[in-house]
N, C-alpha and C. Protein backbone atom coordinates (compact mmCIF):
# COMPACT_ATOMS: atom_id res chain seq x y z
N MET A 1 1.78 1.90 -13.48
CA MET A 1 0.81 1.07 -12.82
C MET A 1 -0.43 0.95 -13.70
N THR A 2 -1.09 -0.17 -13.53
CA THR A 2 -2.28 -0.44 -14.34
C THR A 2 -3.50 -0.60 -13.44
N GLU A 3 -4.59 -1.02 -14.05
CA GLU A 3 -5.84 -1.17 -13.30
C GLU A 3 -5.71 -2.16 -12.15
N SER A 4 -4.94 -3.21 -12.32
CA SER A 4 -4.81 -4.20 -11.25
C SER A 4 -4.13 -3.60 -10.02
N GLU A 5 -3.18 -2.71 -10.23
CA GLU A 5 -2.54 -2.04 -9.10
C GLU A 5 -3.48 -1.05 -8.44
N MET A 6 -4.41 -0.47 -9.20
CA MET A 6 -5.37 0.46 -8.60
C MET A 6 -6.25 -0.27 -7.59
N ALA A 7 -6.63 -1.49 -7.89
CA ALA A 7 -7.41 -2.29 -6.94
C ALA A 7 -6.58 -2.57 -5.69
N GLU A 8 -5.31 -2.85 -5.89
CA GLU A 8 -4.42 -3.10 -4.75
C GLU A 8 -4.25 -1.83 -3.91
N ILE A 9 -4.12 -0.68 -4.56
CA ILE A 9 -3.99 0.59 -3.85
C ILE A 9 -5.26 0.89 -3.06
N ALA A 10 -6.41 0.63 -3.66
CA ALA A 10 -7.67 0.85 -2.95
C ALA A 10 -7.73 -0.02 -1.70
N ASP A 11 -7.29 -1.27 -1.81
CA ASP A 11 -7.27 -2.16 -0.66
C ASP A 11 -6.32 -1.63 0.42
N LEU A 12 -5.18 -1.12 0.02
CA LEU A 12 -4.23 -0.55 0.99
C LEU A 12 -4.84 0.64 1.73
N ILE A 13 -5.56 1.48 1.00
CA ILE A 13 -6.20 2.64 1.61
C ILE A 13 -7.24 2.19 2.63
N VAL A 14 -8.06 1.22 2.25
CA VAL A 14 -9.10 0.71 3.16
C VAL A 14 -8.46 0.13 4.41
N ARG A 15 -7.43 -0.70 4.23
CA ARG A 15 -6.75 -1.30 5.39
C ARG A 15 -6.16 -0.23 6.30
N ALA A 16 -5.55 0.79 5.71
CA ALA A 16 -4.95 1.85 6.51
C ALA A 16 -6.00 2.63 7.29
N LEU A 17 -7.12 2.92 6.65
CA LEU A 17 -8.17 3.66 7.34
C LEU A 17 -8.83 2.85 8.44
N ARG A 18 -9.10 1.59 8.14
CA ARG A 18 -9.74 0.73 9.16
C ARG A 18 -8.80 0.44 10.32
N GLY A 19 -7.50 0.37 10.06
CA GLY A 19 -6.55 0.04 11.10
C GLY A 19 -5.75 1.23 11.60
N ARG A 20 -6.27 2.42 11.39
CA ARG A 20 -5.51 3.63 11.70
C ARG A 20 -5.10 3.74 13.16
N ASP A 21 -5.78 3.04 14.06
CA ASP A 21 -5.43 3.09 15.47
C ASP A 21 -4.57 1.91 15.90
N ASP A 22 -4.18 1.07 14.95
CA ASP A 22 -3.41 -0.14 15.25
C ASP A 22 -2.05 -0.03 14.56
N ASP A 23 -1.01 0.17 15.36
CA ASP A 23 0.33 0.35 14.80
C ASP A 23 0.79 -0.85 13.99
N ALA A 24 0.39 -2.05 14.38
CA ALA A 24 0.79 -3.26 13.65
C ALA A 24 0.17 -3.26 12.25
N VAL A 25 -1.06 -2.85 12.14
CA VAL A 25 -1.72 -2.79 10.83
C VAL A 25 -1.05 -1.73 9.96
N ILE A 26 -0.77 -0.59 10.54
CA ILE A 26 -0.12 0.49 9.78
C ILE A 26 1.27 0.05 9.31
N ASP A 27 2.01 -0.65 10.15
CA ASP A 27 3.32 -1.15 9.75
C ASP A 27 3.20 -2.15 8.60
N GLU A 28 2.19 -3.00 8.66
CA GLU A 28 1.96 -3.98 7.60
C GLU A 28 1.59 -3.29 6.29
N VAL A 29 0.71 -2.32 6.36
CA VAL A 29 0.32 -1.58 5.16
C VAL A 29 1.54 -0.84 4.60
N ARG A 30 2.33 -0.26 5.45
CA ARG A 30 3.54 0.46 5.01
C ARG A 30 4.47 -0.49 4.26
N ALA A 31 4.66 -1.68 4.78
CA ALA A 31 5.52 -2.67 4.12
C ALA A 31 4.94 -3.06 2.75
N ASP A 32 3.63 -3.21 2.68
CA ASP A 32 2.99 -3.56 1.42
C ASP A 32 3.10 -2.41 0.40
N VAL A 33 2.99 -1.19 0.87
CA VAL A 33 3.15 -0.03 -0.01
C VAL A 33 4.58 0.02 -0.55
N ASN A 34 5.55 -0.20 0.32
CA ASN A 34 6.95 -0.21 -0.12
C ASN A 34 7.20 -1.30 -1.15
N ALA A 35 6.60 -2.48 -0.95
CA ALA A 35 6.76 -3.57 -1.91
C ALA A 35 6.13 -3.20 -3.25
N LEU A 36 4.96 -2.59 -3.21
CA LEU A 36 4.30 -2.16 -4.44
C LEU A 36 5.16 -1.13 -5.17
N CYS A 37 5.64 -0.15 -4.45
CA CYS A 37 6.46 0.90 -5.07
C CYS A 37 7.77 0.35 -5.62
N ALA A 38 8.32 -0.67 -5.00
CA ALA A 38 9.56 -1.27 -5.48
C ALA A 38 9.38 -1.92 -6.85
N ARG A 39 8.16 -2.32 -7.15
CA ARG A 39 7.88 -2.93 -8.46
C ARG A 39 7.83 -1.88 -9.57
N PHE A 40 7.76 -0.61 -9.20
CA PHE A 40 7.65 0.48 -10.17
C PHE A 40 8.64 1.59 -9.80
N PRO A 41 9.93 1.37 -10.10
CA PRO A 41 10.93 2.37 -9.71
C PRO A 41 10.72 3.72 -10.42
N VAL A 42 11.05 4.77 -9.71
CA VAL A 42 10.95 6.12 -10.27
C VAL A 42 12.13 6.34 -11.22
N TYR A 43 11.87 7.02 -12.30
CA TYR A 43 12.94 7.31 -13.25
C TYR A 43 13.99 8.21 -12.62
N GLY A 44 15.25 7.94 -12.92
CA GLY A 44 16.36 8.69 -12.35
C GLY A 44 16.66 9.89 -13.08
């Protein structure tokens, strides 16, 4: 990951914290995290 992904990660953290009481927001953030992680597979 590079600097551009760090900005995206920061946004995900902010969204998760602000929406921590809203299951729909948490589900959306979770989906976005999974999409981000899919772009950077872990070495096998």
